[in-house]
Amino acid sequence: KGRFTISRDNAKNTLYLQMNSLKPEDTAVYYCNTLSQSYTWGQ
């Protein structure tokens, strides 16, 4: 909170995550999904 900003462009069917002030503990694989995790997980 305060460093990341999530947004969506419904017209483009695209989800974004602006990540600022990154820290070593942010190191990870990042995925998108619905809140109920109904999509098949991507790479």
PDB file of all heavy atoms in Angstrom:
ATOM      1  N   LYS A   1       0.831  -1.205   0.000  1.00  0.00           N
ATOM      2  CA  LYS A   1       0.000   0.000   0.000  1.00  0.00           C
ATOM      3  C   LYS A   1       0.862   1.251   0.000  1.00  0.00           C
ATOM      4  O   LYS A   1       1.828   1.347   0.750  1.00  0.00           O
ATOM      5  CB  LYS A   1      -0.942  -0.014   1.206  1.00  0.00           C
ATOM      6  CG  LYS A   1      -2.059   0.997   1.130  1.00  0.00           C
ATOM      7  CD  LYS A   1      -3.059   0.762   2.232  1.00  0.00           C
ATOM      8  CE  LYS A   1      -4.271   1.671   2.088  1.00  0.00           C
ATOM      9  NZ  LYS A   1      -5.290   1.427   3.137  1.00  0.00           N
ATOM     10  N   GLY A   2       0.510   2.172  -0.882  1.00  0.00           N
ATOM     11  CA  GLY A   2       1.274   3.407  -0.987  1.00  0.00           C
ATOM     12  C   GLY A   2       2.405   3.338  -2.001  1.00  0.00           C
ATOM     13  O   GLY A   2       2.968   4.371  -2.371  1.00  0.00           O
ATOM     14  N   ARG A   3       2.733   2.120  -2.456  1.00  0.00           N
ATOM     15  CA  ARG A   3       3.806   1.955  -3.440  1.00  0.00           C
ATOM     16  C   ARG A   3       3.294   1.372  -4.759  1.00  0.00           C
ATOM     17  O   ARG A   3       3.838   1.686  -5.815  1.00  0.00           O
ATOM     18  CB  ARG A   3       4.892   1.017  -2.883  1.00  0.00           C
ATOM     19  CG  ARG A   3       5.534   1.514  -1.595  1.00  0.00           C
ATOM     20  CD  ARG A   3       6.710   0.622  -1.183  1.00  0.00           C
ATOM     21  NE  ARG A   3       6.292  -0.750  -0.893  1.00  0.00           N
ATOM     22  CZ  ARG A   3       6.739  -1.807  -1.552  1.00  0.00           C
ATOM     23  NH1 ARG A   3       7.618  -1.678  -2.541  1.00  0.00           N
ATOM     24  NH2 ARG A   3       6.321  -3.030  -1.214  1.00  0.00           N
ATOM     25  N   PHE A   4       2.284   0.535  -4.699  1.00  0.00           N
ATOM     26  CA  PHE A   4       1.728  -0.109  -5.897  1.00  0.00           C
ATOM     27  C   PHE A   4       0.377   0.510  -6.235  1.00  0.00           C
ATOM     28  O   PHE A   4      -0.386   0.909  -5.338  1.00  0.00           O
ATOM     29  CB  PHE A   4       1.524  -1.608  -5.662  1.00  0.00           C
ATOM     30  CG  PHE A   4       2.786  -2.431  -5.559  1.00  0.00           C
ATOM     31  CD1 PHE A   4       4.039  -1.840  -5.437  1.00  0.00           C
ATOM     32  CD2 PHE A   4       2.721  -3.810  -5.585  1.00  0.00           C
ATOM     33  CE1 PHE A   4       5.191  -2.599  -5.345  1.00  0.00           C
ATOM     34  CE2 PHE A   4       3.858  -4.598  -5.494  1.00  0.00           C
ATOM     35  CZ  PHE A   4       5.098  -3.981  -5.366  1.00  0.00           C
ATOM     36  N   THR A   5       0.069   0.555  -7.533  1.00  0.00           N
ATOM     37  CA  THR A   5      -1.224   1.028  -8.003  1.00  0.00           C
ATOM     38  C   THR A   5      -1.756   0.052  -9.047  1.00  0.00           C
ATOM     39  O   THR A   5      -1.106  -0.171 -10.075  1.00  0.00           O
ATOM     40  CB  THR A   5      -1.122   2.424  -8.619  1.00  0.00           C
ATOM     41  OG1 THR A   5      -0.598   3.342  -7.651  1.00  0.00           O
ATOM     42  CG2 THR A   5      -2.499   2.917  -9.053  1.00  0.00           C
ATOM     43  N   ILE A   6      -2.926  -0.506  -8.782  1.00  0.00           N
ATOM     44  CA  ILE A   6      -3.560  -1.423  -9.721  1.00  0.00           C
ATOM     45  C   ILE A   6      -4.579  -0.647 -10.546  1.00  0.00           C
ATOM     46  O   ILE A   6      -5.239   0.270 -10.046  1.00  0.00           O
ATOM     47  CB  ILE A   6      -4.238  -2.603  -8.989  1.00  0.00           C
ATOM     48  CG1 ILE A   6      -4.749  -3.645  -9.988  1.00  0.00           C
ATOM     49  CG2 ILE A   6      -5.338  -2.120  -8.057  1.00  0.00           C
ATOM     50  CD1 ILE A   6      -5.254  -4.925  -9.326  1.00  0.00           C
ATOM     51  N   SER A   7      -4.674  -0.993 -11.822  1.00  0.00           N
ATOM     52  CA  SER A   7      -5.659  -0.357 -12.690  1.00  0.00           C
ATOM     53  C   SER A   7      -6.082  -1.346 -13.762  1.00  0.00           C
ATOM     54  O   SER A   7      -5.395  -2.338 -14.011  1.00  0.00           O
ATOM     55  CB  SER A   7      -5.107   0.920 -13.310  1.00  0.00           C
ATOM     56  OG  SER A   7      -3.978   0.637 -14.123  1.00  0.00           O
ATOM     57  N   ARG A   8      -7.198  -1.047 -14.387  1.00  0.00           N
ATOM     58  CA  ARG A   8      -7.699  -1.917 -15.442  1.00  0.00           C
ATOM     59  C   ARG A   8      -8.198  -1.074 -16.593  1.00  0.00           C
ATOM     60  O   ARG A   8      -8.766   0.008 -16.367  1.00  0.00           O
ATOM     61  CB  ARG A   8      -8.799  -2.840 -14.923  1.00  0.00           C
ATOM     62  CG  ARG A   8     -10.040  -2.121 -14.414  1.00  0.00           C
ATOM     63  CD  ARG A   8     -10.954  -3.048 -13.610  1.00  0.00           C
ATOM     64  NE  ARG A   8     -11.582  -4.069 -14.434  1.00  0.00           N
ATOM     65  CZ  ARG A   8     -12.300  -5.080 -13.935  1.00  0.00           C
ATOM     66  NH1 ARG A   8     -12.465  -5.186 -12.630  1.00  0.00           N
ATOM     67  NH2 ARG A   8     -12.858  -5.969 -14.740  1.00  0.00           N
ATOM     68  N   ASP A   9      -8.017  -1.573 -17.800  1.00  0.00           N
ATOM     69  CA  ASP A   9      -8.549  -0.934 -19.000  1.00  0.00           C
ATOM     70  C   ASP A   9      -9.510  -1.944 -19.603  1.00  0.00           C
ATOM     71  O   ASP A   9      -9.105  -2.873 -20.303  1.00  0.00           O
ATOM     72  CB  ASP A   9      -7.418  -0.582 -19.974  1.00  0.00           C
ATOM     73  CG  ASP A   9      -7.922   0.210 -21.169  1.00  0.00           C
ATOM     74  OD1 ASP A   9      -9.100   0.047 -21.555  1.00  0.00           O
ATOM     75  OD2 ASP A   9      -7.127   0.988 -21.730  1.00  0.00           O
ATOM     76  N   ASN A  10     -10.790  -1.769 -19.315  1.00  0.00           N
ATOM     77  CA  ASN A  10     -11.774  -2.750 -19.771  1.00  0.00           C
ATOM     78  C   ASN A  10     -11.871  -2.806 -21.293  1.00  0.00           C
ATOM     79  O   ASN A  10     -12.117  -3.861 -21.867  1.00  0.00           O
ATOM     80  CB  ASN A  10     -13.142  -2.442 -19.161  1.00  0.00           C
ATOM     81  CG  ASN A  10     -13.176  -2.693 -17.663  1.00  0.00           C
ATOM     82  OD1 ASN A  10     -12.459  -3.544 -17.137  1.00  0.00           O
ATOM     83  ND2 ASN A  10     -14.002  -1.936 -16.969  1.00  0.00           N
ATOM     84  N   ALA A  11     -11.665  -1.698 -21.951  1.00  0.00           N
ATOM     85  CA  ALA A  11     -11.746  -1.670 -23.417  1.00  0.00           C
ATOM     86  C   ALA A  11     -10.630  -2.497 -24.042  1.00  0.00           C
ATOM     87  O   ALA A  11     -10.801  -3.081 -25.112  1.00  0.00           O
ATOM     88  CB  ALA A  11     -11.685  -0.234 -23.919  1.00  0.00           C
ATOM     89  N   LYS A  12      -9.486  -2.538 -23.368  1.00  0.00           N
ATOM     90  CA  LYS A  12      -8.344  -3.291 -23.889  1.00  0.00           C
ATOM     91  C   LYS A  12      -8.211  -4.664 -23.239  1.00  0.00           C
ATOM     92  O   LYS A  12      -7.264  -5.401 -23.535  1.00  0.00           O
ATOM     93  CB  LYS A  12      -7.047  -2.506 -23.671  1.00  0.00           C
ATOM     94  CG  LYS A  12      -6.970  -1.200 -24.451  1.00  0.00           C
ATOM     95  CD  LYS A  12      -5.619  -0.506 -24.226  1.00  0.00           C
ATOM     96  CE  LYS A  12      -5.523   0.772 -25.031  1.00  0.00           C
ATOM     97  NZ  LYS A  12      -4.224   1.464 -24.809  1.00  0.00           N
ATOM     98  N   ASN A  13      -9.137  -5.004 -22.324  1.00  0.00           N
ATOM     99  CA  ASN A  13      -9.051  -6.276 -21.601  1.00  0.00           C
ATOM    100  C   ASN A  13      -7.698  -6.463 -20.943  1.00  0.00           C
ATOM    101  O   ASN A  13      -7.099  -7.544 -20.994  1.00  0.00           O
ATOM    102  CB  ASN A  13      -9.325  -7.454 -22.543  1.00  0.00           C
ATOM    103  CG  ASN A  13     -10.792  -7.588 -22.880  1.00  0.00           C
ATOM    104  OD1 ASN A  13     -11.649  -7.380 -22.030  1.00  0.00           O
ATOM    105  ND2 ASN A  13     -11.080  -7.916 -24.120  1.00  0.00           N
ATOM    106  N   THR A  14      -7.205  -5.406 -20.315  1.00  0.00           N
ATOM    107  CA  THR A  14      -5.863  -5.446 -19.741  1.00  0.00           C
ATOM    108  C   THR A  14      -5.867  -4.934 -18.312  1.00  0.00           C
ATOM    109  O   THR A  14      -6.560  -3.957 -17.997  1.00  0.00           O
ATOM    110  CB  THR A  14      -4.886  -4.626 -20.600  1.00  0.00           C
ATOM    111  OG1 THR A  14      -4.912  -5.124 -21.938  1.00  0.00           O
ATOM    112  CG2 THR A  14      -3.466  -4.742 -20.070  1.00  0.00           C
ATOM    113  N   LEU A  15      -5.071  -5.593 -17.488  1.00  0.00           N
ATOM    114  CA  LEU A  15      -4.887  -5.213 -16.097  1.00  0.00           C
ATOM    115  C   LEU A  15      -3.438  -4.776 -15.909  1.00  0.00           C
ATOM    116  O   LEU A  15      -2.529  -5.362 -16.506  1.00  0.00           O
ATOM    117  CB  LEU A  15      -5.187  -6.429 -15.207  1.00  0.00           C
ATOM    118  CG  LEU A  15      -5.226  -6.242 -13.699  1.00  0.00           C
ATOM    119  CD1 LEU A  15      -6.468  -5.453 -13.308  1.00  0.00           C
ATOM    120  CD2 LEU A  15      -5.232  -7.610 -13.029  1.00  0.00           C
ATOM    121  N   TYR A  16      -3.224  -3.753 -15.089  1.00  0.00           N
ATOM    122  CA  TYR A  16      -1.873  -3.220 -14.876  1.00  0.00           C
ATOM    123  C   TYR A  16      -1.550  -3.183 -13.384  1.00  0.00           C
ATOM    124  O   TYR A  16      -2.437  -3.128 -12.533  1.00  0.00           O
ATOM    125  CB  TYR A  16      -1.762  -1.799 -15.428  1.00  0.00           C
ATOM    126  CG  TYR A  16      -2.090  -1.664 -16.886  1.00  0.00           C
ATOM    127  CD1 TYR A  16      -3.353  -1.233 -17.300  1.00  0.00           C
ATOM    128  CD2 TYR A  16      -1.141  -1.956 -17.865  1.00  0.00           C
ATOM    129  CE1 TYR A  16      -3.661  -1.101 -18.643  1.00  0.00           C
ATOM    130  CE2 TYR A  16      -1.443  -1.826 -19.205  1.00  0.00           C
ATOM    131  CZ  TYR A  16      -2.698  -1.402 -19.585  1.00  0.00           C
ATOM    132  OH  TYR A  16      -2.997  -1.278 -20.926  1.00  0.00           O
ATOM    133  N   LEU A  17      -0.239  -3.176 -13.114  1.00  0.00           N
ATOM    134  CA  LEU A  17       0.213  -2.977 -11.734  1.00  0.00           C
ATOM    135  C   LEU A  17       1.435  -2.055 -11.774  1.00  0.00           C
ATOM    136  O   LEU A  17       2.538  -2.488 -12.131  1.00  0.00           O
ATOM    137  CB  LEU A  17       0.565  -4.297 -11.058  1.00  0.00           C
ATOM    138  CG  LEU A  17       0.916  -4.187  -9.574  1.00  0.00           C
ATOM    139  CD1 LEU A  17      -0.324  -3.768  -8.778  1.00  0.00           C
ATOM    140  CD2 LEU A  17       1.461  -5.509  -9.031  1.00  0.00           C
ATOM    141  N   GLN A  18       1.234  -0.800 -11.438  1.00  0.00           N
ATOM    142  CA  GLN A  18       2.356   0.129 -11.350  1.00  0.00           C
ATOM    143  C   GLN A  18       3.035  -0.079 -10.010  1.00  0.00           C
ATOM    144  O   GLN A  18       2.410   0.084  -8.955  1.00  0.00           O
ATOM    145  CB  GLN A  18       1.863   1.572 -11.474  1.00  0.00           C
ATOM    146  CG  GLN A  18       2.967   2.612 -11.350  1.00  0.00           C
ATOM    147  CD  GLN A  18       3.946   2.542 -12.498  1.00  0.00           C
ATOM    148  OE1 GLN A  18       3.560   2.478 -13.655  1.00  0.00           O
ATOM    149  NE2 GLN A  18       5.247   2.573 -12.181  1.00  0.00           N
ATOM    150  N   MET A  19       4.310  -0.448 -10.052  1.00  0.00           N
ATOM    151  CA  MET A  19       5.053  -0.744  -8.835  1.00  0.00           C
ATOM    152  C   MET A  19       6.184   0.273  -8.688  1.00  0.00           C
ATOM    153  O   MET A  19       7.089   0.319  -9.526  1.00  0.00           O
ATOM    154  CB  MET A  19       5.621  -2.171  -8.896  1.00  0.00           C
ATOM    155  CG  MET A  19       4.578  -3.236  -9.156  1.00  0.00           C
ATOM    156  SD  MET A  19       5.190  -4.920  -8.937  1.00  0.00           S
ATOM    157  CE  MET A  19       6.427  -4.967 -10.204  1.00  0.00           C
ATOM    158  N   ASN A  20       6.124   1.077  -7.659  1.00  0.00           N
ATOM    159  CA  ASN A  20       7.140   2.083  -7.382  1.00  0.00           C
ATOM    160  C   ASN A  20       7.855   1.754  -6.083  1.00  0.00           C
ATOM    161  O   ASN A  20       7.388   0.949  -5.285  1.00  0.00           O
ATOM    162  CB  ASN A  20       6.492   3.461  -7.280  1.00  0.00           C
ATOM    163  CG  ASN A  20       5.827   3.899  -8.565  1.00  0.00           C
ATOM    164  OD1 ASN A  20       6.241   3.520  -9.664  1.00  0.00           O
ATOM    165  ND2 ASN A  20       4.770   4.688  -8.443  1.00  0.00           N
ATOM    166  N   SER A  21       8.985   2.396  -5.870  1.00  0.00           N
ATOM    167  CA  SER A  21       9.762   2.222  -4.635  1.00  0.00           C
ATOM    168  C   SER A  21       9.946   0.743  -4.310  1.00  0.00           C
ATOM    169  O   SER A  21       9.709   0.309  -3.174  1.00  0.00           O
ATOM    170  CB  SER A  21       9.063   2.938  -3.476  1.00  0.00           C
ATOM    171  OG  SER A  21       8.896   4.315  -3.762  1.00  0.00           O
ATOM    172  N   LEU A  22      10.368  -0.012  -5.298  1.00  0.00           N
ATOM    173  CA  LEU A  22      10.478  -1.453  -5.133  1.00  0.00           C
ATOM    174  C   LEU A  22      11.546  -1.826  -4.115  1.00  0.00           C
ATOM    175  O   LEU A  22      12.587  -1.157  -3.989  1.00  0.00           O
ATOM    176  CB  LEU A  22      10.766  -2.114  -6.476  1.00  0.00           C
ATOM    177  CG  LEU A  22       9.531  -2.251  -7.376  1.00  0.00           C
ATOM    178  CD1 LEU A  22       9.917  -2.485  -8.827  1.00  0.00           C
ATOM    179  CD2 LEU A  22       8.631  -3.366  -6.879  1.00  0.00           C
ATOM    180  N   LYS A  23      11.267  -2.911  -3.394  1.00  0.00           N
ATOM    181  CA  LYS A  23      12.161  -3.414  -2.356  1.00  0.00           C
ATOM    182  C   LYS A  23      12.576  -4.851  -2.705  1.00  0.00           C
ATOM    183  O   LYS A  23      11.844  -5.546  -3.422  1.00  0.00           O
ATOM    184  CB  LYS A  23      11.434  -3.419  -1.007  1.00  0.00           C
ATOM    185  CG  LYS A  23      10.868  -2.086  -0.585  1.00  0.00           C
ATOM    186  CD  LYS A  23      10.075  -2.216   0.703  1.00  0.00           C
ATOM    187  CE  LYS A  23       9.477  -0.897   1.149  1.00  0.00           C
ATOM    188  NZ  LYS A  23       8.692  -1.040   2.403  1.00  0.00           N
ATOM    189  N   PRO A  24      13.692  -5.300  -2.175  1.00  0.00           N
ATOM    190  CA  PRO A  24      14.098  -6.687  -2.443  1.00  0.00           C
ATOM    191  C   PRO A  24      13.022  -7.704  -2.066  1.00  0.00           C
ATOM    192  O   PRO A  24      12.887  -8.734  -2.738  1.00  0.00           O
ATOM    193  CB  PRO A  24      15.352  -6.848  -1.574  1.00  0.00           C
ATOM    194  CG  PRO A  24      15.934  -5.472  -1.510  1.00  0.00           C
ATOM    195  CD  PRO A  24      14.746  -4.558  -1.453  1.00  0.00           C
ATOM    196  N   GLU A  25      12.248  -7.405  -1.048  1.00  0.00           N
ATOM    197  CA  GLU A  25      11.198  -8.342  -0.636  1.00  0.00           C
ATOM    198  C   GLU A  25      10.013  -8.382  -1.600  1.00  0.00           C
ATOM    199  O   GLU A  25       9.109  -9.201  -1.432  1.00  0.00           O
ATOM    200  CB  GLU A  25      10.703  -8.027   0.780  1.00  0.00           C
ATOM    201  CG  GLU A  25      10.322  -6.589   1.011  1.00  0.00           C
ATOM    202  CD  GLU A  25      11.445  -5.765   1.641  1.00  0.00           C
ATOM    203  OE1 GLU A  25      12.620  -5.917   1.214  1.00  0.00           O
ATOM    204  OE2 GLU A  25      11.131  -4.965   2.553  1.00  0.00           O
ATOM    205  N   ASP A  26      10.000  -7.517  -2.589  1.00  0.00           N
ATOM    206  CA  ASP A  26       8.980  -7.578  -3.641  1.00  0.00           C
ATOM    207  C   ASP A  26       9.340  -8.608  -4.719  1.00  0.00           C
ATOM    208  O   ASP A  26       8.534  -8.870  -5.617  1.00  0.00           O
ATOM    209  CB  ASP A  26       8.798  -6.214  -4.306  1.00  0.00           C
ATOM    210  CG  ASP A  26       8.248  -5.162  -3.349  1.00  0.00           C
ATOM    211  OD1 ASP A  26       7.329  -5.488  -2.580  1.00  0.00           O
ATOM    212  OD2 ASP A  26       8.739  -4.014  -3.394  1.00  0.00           O
ATOM    213  N   THR A  27      10.535  -9.162  -4.640  1.00  0.00           N
ATOM    214  CA  THR A  27      10.961 -10.156  -5.612  1.00  0.00           C
ATOM    215  C   THR A  27      10.037 -11.372  -5.573  1.00  0.00           C
ATOM    216  O   THR A  27       9.828 -11.967  -4.522  1.00  0.00           O
ATOM    217  CB  THR A  27      12.411 -10.601  -5.332  1.00  0.00           C
ATOM    218  OG1 THR A  27      13.284  -9.485  -5.525  1.00  0.00           O
ATOM    219  CG2 THR A  27      12.825 -11.736  -6.249  1.00  0.00           C
ATOM    220  N   ALA A  28       9.457 -11.695  -6.736  1.00  0.00           N
ATOM    221  CA  ALA A  28       8.486 -12.785  -6.819  1.00  0.00           C
ATOM    222  C   ALA A  28       8.042 -12.936  -8.274  1.00  0.00           C
ATOM    223  O   ALA A  28       8.368 -12.096  -9.115  1.00  0.00           O
ATOM    224  CB  ALA A  28       7.262 -12.491  -5.955  1.00  0.00           C
ATOM    225  N   VAL A  29       7.296 -13.999  -8.533  1.00  0.00           N
ATOM    226  CA  VAL A  29       6.582 -14.118  -9.799  1.00  0.00           C
ATOM    227  C   VAL A  29       5.195 -13.532  -9.581  1.00  0.00           C
ATOM    228  O   VAL A  29       4.508 -13.872  -8.610  1.00  0.00           O
ATOM    229  CB  VAL A  29       6.483 -15.580 -10.268  1.00  0.00           C
ATOM    230  CG1 VAL A  29       5.725 -15.663 -11.591  1.00  0.00           C
ATOM    231  CG2 VAL A  29       7.873 -16.178 -10.416  1.00  0.00           C
ATOM    232  N   TYR A  30       4.811 -12.639 -10.467  1.00  0.00           N
ATOM    233  CA  TYR A  30       3.534 -11.943 -10.352  1.00  0.00           C
ATOM    234  C   TYR A  30       2.533 -12.518 -11.350  1.00  0.00           C
ATOM    235  O   TYR A  30       2.860 -12.712 -12.531  1.00  0.00           O
ATOM    236  CB  TYR A  30       3.722 -10.444 -10.584  1.00  0.00           C
ATOM    237  CG  TYR A  30       4.356  -9.765  -9.396  1.00  0.00           C
ATOM    238  CD1 TYR A  30       5.696  -9.962  -9.091  1.00  0.00           C
ATOM    239  CD2 TYR A  30       3.607  -8.932  -8.558  1.00  0.00           C
ATOM    240  CE1 TYR A  30       6.285  -9.357  -7.983  1.00  0.00           C
ATOM    241  CE2 TYR A  30       4.182  -8.321  -7.448  1.00  0.00           C
ATOM    242  CZ  TYR A  30       5.513  -8.546  -7.168  1.00  0.00           C
ATOM    243  OH  TYR A  30       6.086  -7.941  -6.069  1.00  0.00           O
ATOM    244  N   TYR A  31       1.311 -12.760 -10.862  1.00  0.00           N
ATOM    245  CA  TYR A  31       0.236 -13.345 -11.651  1.00  0.00           C
ATOM    246  C   TYR A  31      -1.020 -12.481 -11.522  1.00  0.00           C
ATOM    247  O   TYR A  31      -1.214 -11.800 -10.518  1.00  0.00           O
ATOM    248  CB  TYR A  31      -0.133 -14.727 -11.125  1.00  0.00           C
ATOM    249  CG  TYR A  31       0.979 -15.740 -11.034  1.00  0.00           C
ATOM    250  CD1 TYR A  31       1.797 -15.802  -9.916  1.00  0.00           C
ATOM    251  CD2 TYR A  31       1.192 -16.660 -12.060  1.00  0.00           C
ATOM    252  CE1 TYR A  31       2.814 -16.752  -9.821  1.00  0.00           C
ATOM    253  CE2 TYR A  31       2.186 -17.604 -11.975  1.00  0.00           C
ATOM    254  CZ  TYR A  31       2.999 -17.648 -10.848  1.00  0.00           C
ATOM    255  OH  TYR A  31       3.995 -18.575 -10.763  1.00  0.00           O
ATOM    256  N   CYS A  32      -1.888 -12.579 -12.517  1.00  0.00           N
ATOM    257  CA  CYS A  32      -3.206 -11.967 -12.371  1.00  0.00           C
ATOM    258  C   CYS A  32      -4.261 -13.076 -12.409  1.00  0.00           C
ATOM    259  O   CYS A  32      -4.057 -14.149 -12.976  1.00  0.00           O
ATOM    260  CB  CYS A  32      -3.478 -10.945 -13.465  1.00  0.00           C
ATOM    261  SG  CYS A  32      -3.697 -11.633 -15.106  1.00  0.00           S
ATOM    262  N   ASN A  33      -5.381 -12.797 -11.774  1.00  0.00           N
ATOM    263  CA  ASN A  33      -6.494 -13.734 -11.758  1.00  0.00           C
ATOM    264  C   ASN A  33      -7.700 -13.003 -11.197  1.00  0.00           C
ATOM    265  O   ASN A  33      -7.612 -11.874 -10.717  1.00  0.00           O
ATOM    266  CB  ASN A  33      -6.168 -14.958 -10.889  1.00  0.00           C
ATOM    267  CG  ASN A  33      -6.877 -16.219 -11.365  1.00  0.00           C
ATOM    268  OD1 ASN A  33      -8.055 -16.178 -11.730  1.00  0.00           O
ATOM    269  ND2 ASN A  33      -6.158 -17.332 -11.395  1.00  0.00           N
ATOM    270  N   THR A  34      -8.850 -13.640 -11.273  1.00  0.00           N
ATOM    271  CA  THR A  34     -10.032 -13.096 -10.639  1.00  0.00           C
ATOM    272  C   THR A  34      -9.892 -13.245  -9.131  1.00  0.00           C
ATOM    273  O   THR A  34      -9.025 -13.989  -8.646  1.00  0.00           O
ATOM    274  CB  THR A  34     -11.295 -13.809 -11.121  1.00  0.00           C
ATOM    275  OG1 THR A  34     -11.273 -15.153 -10.627  1.00  0.00           O
ATOM    276  CG2 THR A  34     -11.368 -13.837 -12.642  1.00  0.00           C
ATOM    277  N   LEU A  35     -10.753 -12.575  -8.385  1.00  0.00           N
ATOM    278  CA  LEU A  35     -10.669 -12.683  -6.933  1.00  0.00           C
ATOM    279  C   LEU A  35     -10.986 -14.096  -6.460  1.00  0.00           C
ATOM    280  O   LEU A  35     -10.471 -14.555  -5.439  1.00  0.00           O
ATOM    281  CB  LEU A  35     -11.607 -11.670  -6.285  1.00  0.00           C
ATOM    282  CG  LEU A  35     -11.249 -11.231  -4.871  1.00  0.00           C
ATOM    283  CD1 LEU A  35      -9.873 -10.576  -4.845  1.00  0.00           C
ATOM    284  CD2 LEU A  35     -12.292 -10.264  -4.326  1.00  0.00           C
ATOM    285  N   SER A  36     -11.812 -14.795  -7.220  1.00  0.00           N
ATOM    286  CA  SER A  36     -12.147 -16.177  -6.885  1.00  0.00           C
ATOM    287  C   SER A  36     -11.198 -17.181  -7.532  1.00  0.00           C
ATOM    288  O   SER A  36     -11.404 -18.383  -7.453  1.00  0.00           O
ATOM    289  CB  SER A  36     -13.585 -16.487  -7.311  1.00  0.00           C
ATOM    290  OG  SER A  36     -13.722 -16.303  -8.708  1.00  0.00           O
ATOM    291  N   GLN A  37     -10.172 -16.648  -8.202  1.00  0.00           N
ATOM    292  CA  GLN A  37      -9.156 -17.483  -8.856  1.00  0.00           C
ATOM    293  C   GLN A  37      -9.782 -18.446  -9.860  1.00  0.00           C
ATOM    294  O   GLN A  37      -9.408 -19.615  -9.943  1.00  0.00           O
ATOM    295  CB  GLN A  37      -8.317 -18.240  -7.824  1.00  0.00           C
ATOM    296  CG  GLN A  37      -7.619 -17.315  -6.840  1.00  0.00           C
ATOM    297  CD  GLN A  37      -6.811 -18.043  -5.797  1.00  0.00           C
ATOM    298  OE1 GLN A  37      -6.423 -19.195  -5.973  1.00  0.00           O
ATOM    299  NE2 GLN A  37      -6.535 -17.370  -4.689  1.00  0.00           N
ATOM    300  N   SER A  38     -10.740 -17.933 -10.636  1.00  0.00           N
ATOM    301  CA  SER A  38     -11.464 -18.782 -11.575  1.00  0.00           C
ATOM    302  C   SER A  38     -10.732 -18.986 -12.895  1.00  0.00           C
ATOM    303  O   SER A  38     -11.103 -19.863 -13.668  1.00  0.00           O
ATOM    304  CB  SER A  38     -12.847 -18.192 -11.840  1.00  0.00           C
ATOM    305  OG  SER A  38     -12.731 -16.881 -12.363  1.00  0.00           O
ATOM    306  N   TYR A  39      -9.736 -18.166 -13.182  1.00  0.00           N
ATOM    307  CA  TYR A  39      -8.941 -18.353 -14.388  1.00  0.00           C
ATOM    308  C   TYR A  39      -7.915 -19.469 -14.170  1.00  0.00           C
ATOM    309  O   TYR A  39      -7.499 -19.735 -13.030  1.00  0.00           O
ATOM    310  CB  TYR A  39      -8.180 -17.083 -14.749  1.00  0.00           C
ATOM    311  CG  TYR A  39      -8.989 -15.970 -15.356  1.00  0.00           C
ATOM    312  CD1 TYR A  39      -8.405 -14.736 -15.631  1.00  0.00           C
ATOM    313  CD2 TYR A  39     -10.329 -16.117 -15.685  1.00  0.00           C
ATOM    314  CE1 TYR A  39      -9.126 -13.703 -16.200  1.00  0.00           C
ATOM    315  CE2 TYR A  39     -11.052 -15.084 -16.254  1.00  0.00           C
ATOM    316  CZ  TYR A  39     -10.443 -13.877 -16.494  1.00  0.00           C
ATOM    317  OH  TYR A  39     -11.150 -12.853 -17.066  1.00  0.00           O
ATOM    318  N   THR A  40      -7.494 -20.069 -15.263  1.00  0.00           N
ATOM    319  CA  THR A  40      -6.327 -20.937 -15.206  1.00  0.00           C
ATOM    320  C   THR A  40      -5.099 -20.052 -14.981  1.00  0.00           C
ATOM    321  O   THR A  40      -4.960 -19.019 -15.645  1.00  0.00           O
ATOM    322  CB  THR A  40      -6.168 -21.718 -16.524  1.00  0.00           C
ATOM    323  OG1 THR A  40      -7.324 -22.535 -16.734  1.00  0.00           O
ATOM    324  CG2 THR A  40      -4.930 -22.586 -16.499  1.00  0.00           C
ATOM    325  N   TRP A  41      -4.229 -20.447 -14.070  1.00  0.00           N
ATOM    326  CA  TRP A  41      -3.065 -19.626 -13.785  1.00  0.00           C
ATOM    327  C   TRP A  41      -2.155 -19.559 -15.015  1.00  0.00           C
ATOM    328  O   TRP A  41      -1.882 -20.560 -15.671  1.00  0.00           O
ATOM    329  CB  TRP A  41      -2.281 -20.179 -12.599  1.00  0.00           C
ATOM    330  CG  TRP A  41      -2.995 -20.021 -11.296  1.00  0.00           C
ATOM    331  CD1 TRP A  41      -3.694 -20.974 -10.619  1.00  0.00           C
ATOM    332  CD2 TRP A  41      -3.122 -18.815 -10.535  1.00  0.00           C
ATOM    333  NE1 TRP A  41      -4.244 -20.448  -9.482  1.00  0.00           N
ATOM    334  CE2 TRP A  41      -3.906 -19.117  -9.386  1.00  0.00           C
ATOM    335  CE3 TRP A  41      -2.652 -17.512 -10.687  1.00  0.00           C
ATOM    336  CZ2 TRP A  41      -4.226 -18.176  -8.412  1.00  0.00           C
ATOM    337  CZ3 TRP A  41      -2.981 -16.575  -9.723  1.00  0.00           C
ATOM    338  CH2 TRP A  41      -3.746 -16.895  -8.600  1.00  0.00           C
ATOM    339  N   GLY A  42      -1.678 -18.342 -15.323  1.00  0.00           N
ATOM    340  CA  GLY A  42      -0.740 -18.161 -16.408  1.00  0.00           C
ATOM    341  C   GLY A  42       0.680 -18.446 -15.953  1.00  0.00           C
ATOM    342  O   GLY A  42       0.906 -18.961 -14.850  1.00  0.00           O
ATOM    343  N   GLN A  43       1.643 -18.089 -16.792  1.00  0.00           N
ATOM    344  CA  GLN A  43       3.048 -18.316 -16.477  1.00  0.00           C
ATOM    345  C   GLN A  43       3.589 -17.287 -15.494  1.00  0.00           C
ATOM    346  O   GLN A  43       4.605 -17.511 -14.840  1.00  0.00           O
ATOM    347  CB  GLN A  43       3.883 -18.273 -17.757  1.00  0.00           C
ATOM    348  CG  GLN A  43       3.578 -19.411 -18.710  1.00  0.00           C
ATOM    349  CD  GLN A  43       3.884 -20.761 -18.099  1.00  0.00           C
ATOM    350  OE1 GLN A  43       4.970 -21.003 -17.592  1.00  0.00           O
ATOM    351  NE2 GLN A  43       2.899 -21.661 -18.135  1.00  0.00           N
TER     352      GLN A  43
END
